[in-house]
Structures are given as C-alpha cells and as structure tokens.
Amino acid sequence: MEDSTGDTTSAGVADVRSVENAVKALWERVRRAGDLIQQLREERQALLVQIEQLRAEVQHVQNELARKDQMLSSIPPSGTAEGARAFGNGEREALAQKVKDLLARIDAYL
C-alpha cells in the first residue's frame, strides 16, 4: 500500500511542477508581448511626430512655392530683365527638386 501512495505523491508533484513550468513559460511570453507592445507604441509616437514635422515642412515649401508662383505671375512674360530676376541661378529647378524630395519622403513614411 505504501508503494501506491508514494507513486501517487510523486505523480502529483510532477504534475504540479509541470503546471508551474507551463505558467512560467506563459508568463514569460506575456511579458515579452507587453515589452513588444510598449516598443511599438513608442515607435508609433515617434513616427507621428515625424509625420507632423514633414507635413509642416511640406506646408512651408508649398507656401514658398505659391509665393514664388505669385511673383512669377506678376512678372511680364516677355523675358525682360525684370522677369529674369525672379528666379536666378536655377532657383526654380532647385525648389521643384526640393518639393519632389519632400513628397517622396512623405510617401516613404505613409
């Protein structure tokens, strides 16, 4: 009879250890998932800040472009000396390239 009780006790202990190990493994997975969620939240917040900065920069460039377009439209189209001063030294091309670069950066983040 004692032998039967010893087997039952050792089986019960083994079951308890098995359950403890399963709970520990589950707890570790939950902890890692929580860490990952926190990291993703921080990354998301950083990306939202970066998006707002890019939007502000795009708005600034669009305003600058609109201002220069307004200046261009007020210049006589005949190519006089006054018209040549509005955009000098490839300024228009540089501005157009800057706008394209900003739009590409925004597209990359979205």
Protein backbone atom coordinates (compact mmCIF):
# COMPACT_ATOMS: atom_id res chain seq x y z
CA MET A 1 0.00 0.00 0.00
CA GLU A 2 2.76 2.41 0.82
CA ASP A 3 4.24 1.92 -2.61
CA SER A 4 1.00 3.01 -4.24
CA THR A 5 0.82 6.17 -2.12
CA GLY A 6 4.41 7.06 -2.98
CA ASP A 7 3.71 6.75 -6.69
CA THR A 8 0.63 8.92 -6.39
CA THR A 9 2.54 11.55 -4.44
CA SER A 10 5.43 11.65 -6.89
CA ALA A 11 2.98 11.83 -9.81
CA GLY A 12 1.19 14.69 -8.10
CA VAL A 13 4.46 16.54 -7.56
CA ALA A 14 5.41 16.00 -11.19
CA ASP A 15 2.03 17.37 -12.26
CA VAL A 16 2.45 20.43 -10.05
CA ARG A 17 5.94 21.06 -11.46
CA SER A 18 4.62 20.64 -14.97
CA VAL A 19 1.88 23.18 -14.31
CA GLU A 20 4.38 25.57 -12.68
CA ASN A 21 6.67 25.33 -15.70
CA ALA A 22 3.78 25.96 -18.07
CA VAL A 23 2.69 29.00 -16.05
CA LYS A 24 6.27 30.34 -16.01
CA ALA A 25 6.57 29.89 -19.78
CA LEU A 26 3.22 31.59 -20.33
CA TRP A 27 4.18 34.47 -18.01
CA GLU A 28 7.44 34.97 -19.94
CA ARG A 29 5.56 35.09 -23.24
CA VAL A 30 3.10 37.63 -21.81
CA ARG A 31 5.98 39.77 -20.52
CA ARG A 32 7.72 39.72 -23.92
CA ALA A 33 4.44 40.59 -25.66
CA GLY A 34 3.99 43.52 -23.27
CA ASP A 35 7.53 44.72 -23.99
CA LEU A 36 6.91 44.50 -27.72
CA ILE A 37 3.62 46.39 -27.42
CA GLN A 38 5.36 49.16 -25.48
CA GLN A 39 8.14 49.37 -28.07
CA LEU A 40 5.61 49.56 -30.91
CA ARG A 41 3.70 52.31 -29.13
CA GLU A 42 6.89 54.33 -28.73
CA GLU A 43 7.79 53.82 -32.38
CA ARG A 44 4.29 54.85 -33.43
CA GLN A 45 4.52 58.03 -31.38
CA ALA A 46 7.91 58.88 -32.88
CA LEU A 47 6.53 58.30 -36.37
CA LEU A 48 3.53 60.52 -35.67
CA VAL A 49 5.87 63.31 -34.56
CA GLN A 50 7.97 62.82 -37.68
CA ILE A 51 4.87 62.90 -39.89
CA GLU A 52 3.78 66.19 -38.32
CA GLN A 53 7.25 67.65 -38.92
CA LEU A 54 7.16 66.54 -42.55
CA ARG A 55 3.69 67.97 -43.01
CA ALA A 56 4.83 71.29 -41.59
CA GLU A 57 7.85 71.26 -43.88
CA VAL A 58 5.67 70.45 -46.89
CA GLN A 59 3.29 73.26 -45.94
CA HIS A 60 6.22 75.65 -45.69
CA VAL A 61 7.55 74.62 -49.10
CA GLN A 62 4.09 74.84 -50.64
CA ASN A 63 3.66 78.34 -49.23
CA GLU A 64 7.08 79.31 -50.55
CA LEU A 65 6.22 77.85 -53.95
CA ALA A 66 2.88 79.67 -54.01
CA ARG A 67 4.62 82.92 -53.11
CA LYS A 68 7.16 82.45 -55.88
CA ASP A 69 4.45 81.45 -58.34
CA GLN A 70 2.62 84.64 -57.42
CA MET A 71 5.81 86.59 -58.04
CA LEU A 72 6.24 84.80 -61.36
CA SER A 73 2.71 85.55 -62.47
CA SER A 74 3.22 89.25 -61.71
CA ILE A 75 6.29 89.37 -63.98
CA PRO A 76 5.75 90.29 -67.60
CA PRO A 77 6.08 87.19 -69.80
CA SER A 78 8.34 88.86 -72.30
CA GLY A 79 11.56 87.77 -70.56
CA THR A 80 12.66 91.27 -69.71
CA ALA A 81 15.45 91.95 -67.26
CA GLU A 82 12.84 92.34 -64.52
CA GLY A 83 11.49 88.84 -65.30
CA ALA A 84 14.95 87.30 -65.24
CA ARG A 85 15.48 88.39 -61.62
CA ALA A 86 12.53 86.44 -60.16
CA PHE A 87 14.30 83.07 -60.38
CA GLY A 88 18.02 83.20 -60.73
CA ASN A 89 20.74 80.58 -60.81
CA GLY A 90 18.41 77.62 -61.17
CA GLU A 91 16.33 78.60 -58.16
CA ARG A 92 13.12 77.33 -59.74
CA GLU A 93 14.65 73.94 -60.53
CA ALA A 94 16.10 73.68 -57.01
CA LEU A 95 12.73 74.48 -55.48
CA ALA A 96 10.95 71.96 -57.71
CA GLN A 97 13.50 69.30 -56.71
CA LYS A 98 13.03 70.13 -53.03
CA VAL A 99 9.27 69.69 -53.35
CA LYS A 100 9.74 66.36 -55.15
CA ASP A 101 12.13 65.18 -52.40
CA LEU A 102 9.69 66.15 -49.67
CA LEU A 103 6.83 64.36 -51.38
CA ALA A 104 9.00 61.27 -51.78
CA ARG A 105 9.89 61.35 -48.06
CA ILE A 106 6.22 61.65 -47.11
CA ASP A 107 5.29 58.77 -49.40
CA ALA A 108 8.04 56.66 -47.82
CA TYR A 109 6.59 57.21 -44.33
CA LEU A 110 3.00 56.64 -45.32
